[in-house]
N, C-alpha and C. Protein backbone atom coordinates (compact mmCIF):
# COMPACT_ATOMS: atom_id res chain seq x y z
N MET A 1 -5.73 44.78 -54.33
CA MET A 1 -4.89 43.71 -55.35
C MET A 1 -4.84 42.97 -54.19
N ALA A 2 -5.61 40.93 -54.59
CA ALA A 2 -4.69 39.85 -53.76
C ALA A 2 -4.35 39.45 -54.46
N LEU A 3 -3.42 38.25 -53.73
CA LEU A 3 -2.75 37.07 -54.24
C LEU A 3 -3.19 35.91 -53.81
N PHE A 4 -3.67 35.14 -55.04
CA PHE A 4 -4.65 33.80 -54.66
C PHE A 4 -3.41 32.88 -54.85
N VAL A 5 -3.01 32.15 -54.07
CA VAL A 5 -2.00 30.83 -53.52
C VAL A 5 -2.87 29.77 -53.93
N ASP A 6 -2.64 28.69 -54.98
CA ASP A 6 -2.93 27.37 -54.75
C ASP A 6 -2.16 26.78 -54.15
N ALA A 7 -2.34 26.08 -52.92
CA ALA A 7 -1.22 26.55 -52.01
C ALA A 7 -0.86 24.87 -51.71
N ASP A 8 -1.59 23.55 -51.70
CA ASP A 8 -1.69 22.39 -51.60
C ASP A 8 -0.02 22.10 -52.12
N ALA A 9 0.48 21.95 -53.03
CA ALA A 9 1.55 21.28 -53.77
C ALA A 9 2.28 22.60 -53.74
N CYS A 10 2.27 23.93 -53.44
CA CYS A 10 3.27 25.24 -53.81
C CYS A 10 4.44 25.20 -53.17
N PRO A 11 5.39 25.39 -54.11
CA PRO A 11 6.72 25.13 -53.38
C PRO A 11 7.31 26.34 -53.06
N VAL A 12 6.58 27.74 -52.94
CA VAL A 12 6.97 29.17 -53.03
C VAL A 12 6.36 29.92 -51.78
N LYS A 13 5.58 29.54 -50.91
CA LYS A 13 4.57 29.79 -49.87
C LYS A 13 4.98 31.03 -49.62
N ALA A 14 6.45 30.56 -49.02
CA ALA A 14 7.36 31.95 -48.05
C ALA A 14 7.31 32.87 -49.12
N GLU A 15 8.06 32.87 -50.24
CA GLU A 15 8.33 33.92 -51.08
C GLU A 15 6.77 35.05 -51.52
N VAL A 16 5.95 33.76 -51.77
CA VAL A 16 5.05 34.91 -52.02
C VAL A 16 4.39 35.47 -50.40
N GLU A 17 4.41 34.95 -49.65
CA GLU A 17 4.30 35.94 -48.55
C GLU A 17 5.12 37.06 -48.02
N ARG A 18 6.25 36.63 -48.05
CA ARG A 18 7.42 38.00 -48.46
C ARG A 18 6.94 39.16 -49.23
N VAL A 19 6.93 38.52 -50.41
CA VAL A 19 6.62 39.64 -51.27
C VAL A 19 5.24 40.54 -50.86
N GLY A 20 4.41 39.42 -51.02
CA GLY A 20 2.68 40.08 -51.29
C GLY A 20 2.87 41.07 -49.50
N THR A 21 3.42 41.08 -48.80
CA THR A 21 3.65 41.64 -47.52
C THR A 21 4.17 42.65 -47.78
N ARG A 22 5.30 43.11 -48.91
CA ARG A 22 6.21 44.04 -49.11
C ARG A 22 5.24 44.63 -49.54
N HIS A 23 4.17 44.43 -50.70
CA HIS A 23 3.30 45.62 -51.46
C HIS A 23 1.91 45.37 -51.13
N GLY A 24 1.75 45.04 -49.59
CA GLY A 24 0.53 44.93 -49.05
C GLY A 24 -0.31 44.73 -49.70
N ALA A 25 -0.22 43.45 -50.03
CA ALA A 25 -1.37 43.26 -50.43
C ALA A 25 -2.08 41.40 -49.47
N LYS A 26 -3.62 41.54 -49.96
CA LYS A 26 -4.01 40.87 -48.80
C LYS A 26 -3.67 39.11 -49.97
N ILE A 27 -3.19 38.49 -48.68
CA ILE A 27 -3.18 36.77 -49.59
C ILE A 27 -3.75 35.89 -48.87
N PHE A 28 -4.16 34.81 -50.24
CA PHE A 28 -5.13 34.38 -49.53
C PHE A 28 -4.52 32.46 -50.24
N PHE A 29 -4.31 31.83 -49.01
CA PHE A 29 -3.64 30.42 -49.05
C PHE A 29 -4.92 29.57 -49.43
N VAL A 30 -5.26 29.25 -50.78
CA VAL A 30 -6.15 28.25 -50.13
C VAL A 30 -5.46 26.82 -50.23
N SER A 31 -6.30 25.70 -49.68
CA SER A 31 -5.95 24.20 -50.15
C SER A 31 -7.31 23.50 -49.13
N ASN A 32 -6.80 22.18 -49.13
CA ASN A 32 -7.95 21.01 -48.28
C ASN A 32 -7.15 20.77 -47.26
N GLY A 33 -6.07 21.57 -46.48
CA GLY A 33 -5.83 21.63 -44.91
C GLY A 33 -4.42 21.13 -45.18
N GLY A 34 -4.03 21.02 -43.96
CA GLY A 34 -2.81 20.89 -43.50
C GLY A 34 -1.44 21.79 -43.65
N LEU A 35 -1.82 22.70 -43.67
CA LEU A 35 -0.56 24.13 -43.94
C LEU A 35 -0.18 24.76 -42.52
N ARG A 36 0.65 24.93 -42.56
CA ARG A 36 1.31 25.46 -41.10
C ARG A 36 0.61 27.19 -41.25
N ILE A 37 0.05 27.70 -40.07
CA ILE A 37 -0.91 28.81 -40.31
C ILE A 37 -0.39 29.94 -40.04
N SER A 38 -0.46 30.80 -40.84
CA SER A 38 0.87 32.04 -40.73
C SER A 38 0.25 33.21 -39.43
N GLN A 39 1.08 34.01 -39.07
CA GLN A 39 0.65 35.13 -38.18
C GLN A 39 0.30 36.32 -38.48
N ASN A 40 0.71 36.02 -39.89
CA ASN A 40 0.91 37.68 -40.89
C ASN A 40 -0.66 38.23 -41.31
N PRO A 41 -0.97 39.41 -40.69
CA PRO A 41 -2.27 39.63 -40.63
C PRO A 41 -2.41 39.64 -42.14
N LEU A 42 -1.86 40.13 -43.15
CA LEU A 42 -2.65 39.99 -44.74
C LEU A 42 -2.57 38.27 -45.25
N VAL A 43 -1.91 37.54 -44.54
CA VAL A 43 -2.46 36.19 -44.90
C VAL A 43 -4.09 35.33 -44.29
N GLU A 44 -4.58 34.95 -45.45
CA GLU A 44 -5.97 34.30 -44.78
C GLU A 44 -5.69 33.01 -45.60
N MET A 45 -5.99 32.15 -44.61
CA MET A 45 -5.56 30.65 -44.69
C MET A 45 -6.98 30.13 -45.01
N VAL A 46 -7.33 29.72 -46.58
CA VAL A 46 -8.61 29.15 -46.79
C VAL A 46 -8.38 28.40 -47.07
N ILE A 47 -9.33 26.97 -45.81
CA ILE A 47 -9.43 25.87 -46.09
C ILE A 47 -11.01 25.37 -46.57
N VAL A 48 -10.91 24.69 -48.06
CA VAL A 48 -12.12 24.18 -48.89
C VAL A 48 -12.07 22.94 -48.23
N PRO A 49 -13.49 22.47 -48.49
CA PRO A 49 -14.06 20.61 -48.67
C PRO A 49 -12.95 20.24 -49.40
N GLU A 50 -12.78 19.10 -49.04
CA GLU A 50 -12.38 17.53 -49.88
C GLU A 50 -12.66 17.44 -51.29
N GLY A 51 -11.99 17.44 -52.22
CA GLY A 51 -13.13 17.13 -53.80
C GLY A 51 -12.17 17.47 -54.46
N PRO A 52 -12.33 17.11 -55.71
CA PRO A 52 -11.71 17.87 -57.03
C PRO A 52 -12.03 18.46 -57.68
N ASP A 53 -11.01 19.81 -57.55
CA ASP A 53 -10.78 20.96 -57.78
C ASP A 53 -11.66 22.14 -57.08
N VAL A 54 -12.11 21.55 -55.79
CA VAL A 54 -12.73 22.77 -55.07
C VAL A 54 -11.93 24.21 -54.48
N ALA A 55 -10.66 23.55 -54.38
CA ALA A 55 -9.63 24.75 -54.30
C ALA A 55 -9.45 25.73 -55.38
N ASP A 56 -9.52 25.04 -56.09
CA ASP A 56 -9.45 25.49 -58.23
C ASP A 56 -10.53 26.66 -58.39
N LEU A 57 -11.46 26.05 -57.99
CA LEU A 57 -13.22 26.96 -58.08
C LEU A 57 -12.79 27.95 -57.43
N TRP A 58 -12.67 28.10 -56.34
CA TRP A 58 -12.90 28.70 -54.64
C TRP A 58 -12.07 30.15 -55.47
N ILE A 59 -10.67 29.94 -55.95
CA ILE A 59 -10.17 31.14 -56.57
C ILE A 59 -10.44 31.07 -57.67
N ALA A 60 -10.94 30.30 -58.82
CA ALA A 60 -11.48 31.40 -59.73
C ALA A 60 -12.60 32.03 -59.70
N GLU A 61 -13.73 31.78 -58.72
CA GLU A 61 -14.79 32.53 -58.63
C GLU A 61 -14.24 34.02 -57.89
N ARG A 62 -13.10 34.29 -57.79
CA ARG A 62 -12.97 35.57 -57.07
C ARG A 62 -11.49 36.47 -57.74
N ALA A 63 -10.55 36.03 -58.15
CA ALA A 63 -9.82 36.43 -59.11
C ALA A 63 -10.19 37.24 -60.11
N SER A 64 -9.71 38.29 -60.33
CA SER A 64 -10.03 39.62 -61.20
C SER A 64 -8.79 40.29 -61.52
N THR A 65 -8.79 41.30 -62.11
CA THR A 65 -8.14 41.86 -63.37
C THR A 65 -7.31 42.46 -61.58
N GLY A 66 -5.74 42.70 -62.06
CA GLY A 66 -4.96 43.47 -60.98
C GLY A 66 -4.77 42.50 -59.73
N ASP A 67 -5.37 41.40 -59.68
CA ASP A 67 -5.03 40.15 -58.27
C ASP A 67 -3.74 39.04 -59.43
N VAL A 68 -3.57 38.81 -58.41
CA VAL A 68 -2.29 37.87 -58.65
C VAL A 68 -2.37 36.21 -58.63
N VAL A 69 -2.44 35.64 -59.28
CA VAL A 69 -2.59 33.91 -58.93
C VAL A 69 -1.39 33.10 -59.31
N ILE A 70 -1.11 32.39 -57.88
CA ILE A 70 -0.06 31.60 -58.37
C ILE A 70 -0.02 29.94 -57.80
N THR A 71 0.00 29.56 -59.47
CA THR A 71 -0.69 28.03 -59.47
C THR A 71 0.11 27.46 -60.32
N GLY A 72 0.34 25.91 -60.34
CA GLY A 72 0.93 25.25 -61.43
C GLY A 72 -0.58 24.25 -61.99
N ASP A 73 -1.78 24.44 -61.87
CA ASP A 73 -2.62 24.31 -62.52
C ASP A 73 -2.98 24.85 -63.84
N ILE A 74 -3.16 23.87 -64.78
CA ILE A 74 -3.58 25.06 -66.87
C ILE A 74 -4.48 25.40 -66.01
N PRO A 75 -5.69 24.51 -66.02
CA PRO A 75 -7.12 24.67 -66.40
C PRO A 75 -7.39 26.15 -64.89
N LEU A 76 -7.00 25.49 -64.11
CA LEU A 76 -6.91 27.07 -63.44
C LEU A 76 -6.50 28.51 -63.58
N ALA A 77 -5.34 28.50 -64.18
CA ALA A 77 -4.72 29.05 -64.74
C ALA A 77 -5.43 30.09 -66.21
N ALA A 78 -5.94 29.18 -67.00
CA ALA A 78 -6.85 29.59 -68.00
C ALA A 78 -8.01 30.56 -67.63
N LYS A 79 -8.61 30.14 -66.46
CA LYS A 79 -9.86 30.43 -65.86
C LYS A 79 -9.96 31.88 -65.59
N CYS A 80 -8.49 32.14 -64.40
CA CYS A 80 -8.06 33.64 -64.15
C CYS A 80 -7.18 34.41 -65.15
N VAL A 81 -6.59 33.72 -66.39
CA VAL A 81 -6.34 34.65 -67.06
C VAL A 81 -7.65 35.54 -67.74
N GLU A 82 -8.65 34.52 -68.01
CA GLU A 82 -10.24 34.65 -69.07
C GLU A 82 -10.65 36.24 -67.91
N ALA A 83 -9.78 35.76 -66.59
CA ALA A 83 -10.89 36.65 -65.78
C ALA A 83 -9.99 38.13 -65.65
N GLY A 84 -8.89 37.96 -66.24
CA GLY A 84 -8.01 39.63 -65.93
C GLY A 84 -7.21 39.20 -65.37
N ALA A 85 -7.11 38.20 -64.40
CA ALA A 85 -5.98 38.29 -63.60
C ALA A 85 -4.67 37.99 -64.15
N LEU A 86 -3.52 38.06 -63.37
CA LEU A 86 -1.81 37.60 -63.60
C LEU A 86 -1.60 36.73 -62.90
N VAL A 87 -0.98 35.89 -64.18
CA VAL A 87 -0.82 34.40 -63.24
C VAL A 87 0.47 34.13 -63.59
N LEU A 88 1.00 33.35 -62.02
CA LEU A 88 2.32 33.03 -62.20
C LEU A 88 2.32 31.60 -62.06
N LYS A 89 3.21 30.40 -63.03
CA LYS A 89 3.29 29.03 -62.30
C LYS A 89 4.38 29.17 -61.07
N PRO A 90 4.81 28.33 -60.48
CA PRO A 90 5.86 28.73 -59.02
C PRO A 90 7.01 28.35 -59.71
N ASN A 91 7.57 28.16 -60.91
CA ASN A 91 8.95 28.44 -61.63
C ASN A 91 8.81 29.84 -62.05
N GLY A 92 8.13 30.75 -62.27
CA GLY A 92 7.96 32.27 -62.63
C GLY A 92 7.73 32.34 -63.72
N GLU A 93 7.22 30.92 -64.69
CA GLU A 93 6.43 31.24 -66.03
C GLU A 93 5.01 32.26 -65.84
N MET A 94 5.28 32.91 -66.34
CA MET A 94 4.22 33.87 -66.60
C MET A 94 3.19 33.13 -67.29
N LEU A 95 1.48 33.09 -67.11
CA LEU A 95 0.53 32.79 -68.05
C LEU A 95 -0.02 33.94 -68.77
N SER A 96 -0.11 33.75 -69.86
CA SER A 96 -1.07 34.95 -70.06
C SER A 96 -1.96 34.68 -71.62
N GLU A 97 -2.84 35.46 -71.86
CA GLU A 97 -3.43 35.37 -73.06
C GLU A 97 -3.03 35.03 -74.28
N ALA A 98 -1.45 35.40 -74.34
CA ALA A 98 -0.38 35.19 -75.23
C ALA A 98 -0.09 33.85 -75.23
N ASN A 99 0.23 32.85 -74.06
CA ASN A 99 0.44 31.76 -74.15
C ASN A 99 -0.45 30.77 -73.57
N ILE A 100 -1.64 31.19 -73.28
CA ILE A 100 -2.16 30.02 -72.64
C ILE A 100 -2.85 28.80 -73.11
N GLY A 101 -3.25 29.03 -74.94
CA GLY A 101 -3.70 28.24 -75.44
C GLY A 101 -2.60 27.18 -75.87
N ASN A 102 -1.60 27.55 -75.89
CA ASN A 102 -0.55 26.80 -76.32
C ASN A 102 -0.16 26.20 -74.66
N VAL A 103 -0.12 26.33 -73.80
CA VAL A 103 0.48 25.68 -72.80
C VAL A 103 -1.03 24.71 -72.13
N LEU A 104 -2.02 25.02 -72.23
CA LEU A 104 -3.08 24.23 -72.87
C LEU A 104 -3.18 23.07 -73.48
N ALA A 105 -3.16 23.23 -74.60
CA ALA A 105 -2.76 22.47 -75.72
C ALA A 105 -1.91 21.44 -75.15
N THR A 106 -0.26 21.91 -75.39
CA THR A 106 0.66 20.74 -74.55
C THR A 106 0.34 19.91 -73.32
N ARG A 107 -0.75 20.52 -72.72
CA ARG A 107 -0.84 19.60 -71.18
C ARG A 107 -1.69 18.70 -71.68
N ASP A 108 -2.64 18.90 -72.48
CA ASP A 108 -3.37 17.91 -72.84
C ASP A 108 -2.88 16.72 -73.57
N LEU A 109 -2.17 17.13 -74.52
CA LEU A 109 -1.19 16.09 -75.26
C LEU A 109 -0.52 15.39 -74.48
N MET A 110 0.57 15.60 -73.87
CA MET A 110 1.07 15.34 -72.47
C MET A 110 0.22 13.77 -71.91
N ALA A 111 -1.11 14.39 -71.60
CA ALA A 111 -2.17 13.61 -70.92
C ALA A 111 -2.06 12.92 -71.92
N ASP A 112 -2.70 13.03 -72.81
CA ASP A 112 -2.76 11.78 -73.99
C ASP A 112 -2.19 10.46 -74.16
N LEU A 113 -0.66 11.24 -74.22
CA LEU A 113 0.99 10.58 -74.50
C LEU A 113 0.90 9.82 -73.43
N ARG A 114 0.47 9.98 -71.60
CA ARG A 114 0.68 9.01 -71.04
C ARG A 114 -0.20 8.17 -70.84
N ALA A 115 -1.51 8.31 -71.36
CA ALA A 115 -2.50 7.73 -71.31
C ALA A 115 -2.35 6.76 -71.85
N ALA A 116 -1.94 6.97 -73.54
CA ALA A 116 -1.55 6.05 -74.21
C ALA A 116 -0.28 4.62 -73.53
N ASP A 117 0.55 5.26 -73.33
CA ASP A 117 1.65 4.67 -72.91
C ASP A 117 1.99 4.57 -71.51
N PRO A 118 1.64 3.48 -71.18
CA PRO A 118 2.06 3.45 -69.88
C PRO A 118 3.43 3.34 -69.08
N PHE A 119 4.46 3.72 -69.93
CA PHE A 119 5.70 3.33 -69.48
C PHE A 119 6.05 4.77 -69.56
N ARG A 120 5.55 5.81 -69.94
CA ARG A 120 5.55 7.04 -70.14
C ARG A 120 5.48 7.59 -69.17
N GLN A 121 5.58 7.32 -68.10
CA GLN A 121 5.25 8.38 -67.05
C GLN A 121 5.93 8.73 -65.64
N GLY A 122 6.24 8.88 -64.58
CA GLY A 122 7.07 9.47 -64.18
C GLY A 122 6.86 10.89 -63.87
N GLY A 123 8.09 12.21 -63.19
CA GLY A 123 7.70 13.33 -62.74
C GLY A 123 8.56 14.04 -63.75
N GLY A 124 8.08 15.27 -63.27
CA GLY A 124 8.85 16.47 -64.26
C GLY A 124 10.19 16.41 -63.52
N LYS A 125 11.04 17.74 -63.71
CA LYS A 125 12.48 17.48 -63.25
C LYS A 125 12.09 18.95 -61.95
N SER A 126 13.07 18.25 -60.92
CA SER A 126 12.99 18.65 -59.10
C SER A 126 12.71 20.29 -59.53
N PHE A 127 12.15 21.01 -58.39
CA PHE A 127 12.18 22.35 -58.54
C PHE A 127 13.73 22.93 -57.75
N SER A 128 14.03 23.78 -58.66
CA SER A 128 15.52 24.36 -58.46
C SER A 128 15.69 25.27 -58.02
N LYS A 129 17.15 26.08 -57.47
CA LYS A 129 17.22 27.21 -56.91
C LYS A 129 16.94 28.34 -57.95
N ALA A 130 16.99 28.39 -59.41
CA ALA A 130 17.11 28.86 -60.24
C ALA A 130 15.62 28.85 -60.43
N ASP A 131 14.82 28.04 -60.54
CA ASP A 131 13.61 27.94 -59.95
C ASP A 131 12.79 28.97 -59.45
N ARG A 132 13.30 29.07 -57.72
CA ARG A 132 13.03 30.07 -56.82
C ARG A 132 13.63 31.13 -57.42
N SER A 133 14.45 31.42 -57.84
CA SER A 133 15.06 33.10 -58.40
C SER A 133 14.07 33.83 -59.14
N ARG A 134 14.24 32.76 -60.24
CA ARG A 134 13.29 33.25 -61.48
C ARG A 134 11.37 33.54 -60.91
N PHE A 135 10.93 32.74 -60.24
CA PHE A 135 9.75 33.16 -59.57
C PHE A 135 9.56 34.73 -58.37
N LEU A 136 10.92 34.61 -57.58
CA LEU A 136 10.92 35.94 -57.43
C LEU A 136 10.87 36.67 -58.37
N ASP A 137 11.60 37.10 -58.92
CA ASP A 137 11.85 37.93 -60.10
C ASP A 137 10.36 38.14 -60.95
N ALA A 138 9.88 37.32 -61.04
CA ALA A 138 8.36 37.23 -62.20
C ALA A 138 7.04 37.63 -61.02
N LEU A 139 7.46 36.84 -59.47
CA LEU A 139 6.59 37.56 -58.69
C LEU A 139 6.78 39.64 -58.37
N GLU A 140 7.75 39.90 -58.47
CA GLU A 140 8.28 41.21 -58.12
C GLU A 140 7.21 41.66 -59.23
N ARG A 141 7.39 41.74 -60.63
CA ARG A 141 7.12 42.35 -61.60
C ARG A 141 5.55 42.24 -61.84
N ALA A 142 4.84 40.95 -61.44
CA ALA A 142 3.37 41.01 -61.56
C ALA A 142 3.12 41.97 -60.31
N MET A 143 3.05 41.85 -59.41
CA MET A 143 3.10 42.93 -58.27
C MET A 143 2.95 44.50 -59.04
N ARG A 144 4.16 44.45 -59.42
CA ARG A 144 4.11 45.99 -59.91
C ARG A 144 2.89 46.34 -60.93
N GLN A 145 2.94 45.18 -62.08
CA GLN A 145 1.84 45.31 -63.01
C GLN A 145 0.96 45.36 -62.32
N ALA A 146 0.36 44.42 -61.23
CA ALA A 146 -0.93 44.29 -60.90
C ALA A 146 -1.50 45.44 -60.11
N GLY A 147 -0.58 46.67 -59.58
CA GLY A 147 -0.66 47.42 -58.99
C GLY A 147 -0.70 48.71 -60.04
N GLN A 148 -0.62 48.47 -60.89
CA GLN A 148 -0.57 49.44 -62.01
C GLN A 148 -1.87 49.31 -62.63
N MET A 149 -2.59 47.94 -62.53
CA MET A 149 -3.79 47.85 -63.33
C MET A 149 -4.85 48.05 -62.46
N ARG A 150 -4.67 48.41 -61.28
CA ARG A 150 -5.83 48.94 -59.60
C ARG A 150 -6.03 50.05 -59.96
N LYS A 151 -4.68 51.01 -60.29
CA LYS A 151 -5.44 52.67 -60.88
C LYS A 151 -5.99 53.15 -61.59
């Protein structure tokens, strides 16, 4: 079992390391650089070259059944779900075969709306304590499920 983290803008890296270590999982933090190096022997910092979607491609090529992927990138999530991995967004939302199509469609619709209306920009809501708590609960469940998938 491995944990893959799309780490560049991930707000839950410490939580991933804590839960992953408790489960004895190999943890890959994948980024373009600039992350603090962990001394944890289960953590591997993967620095990929600059470029669009390079980190995403690295994760997508390796994630498989029984692995857990943490990402807010919906196209990456879709590839990982297709490969059989369990996928969580940093807010704890589980992405699966049952909902990834709707999530992709919503993402595309929102991109089209933003492109059509330059005043419809702006970020999403801020990351809250409730999001962090929801993520920890969802990651614990995903790790247990991934462990069952590997048996």
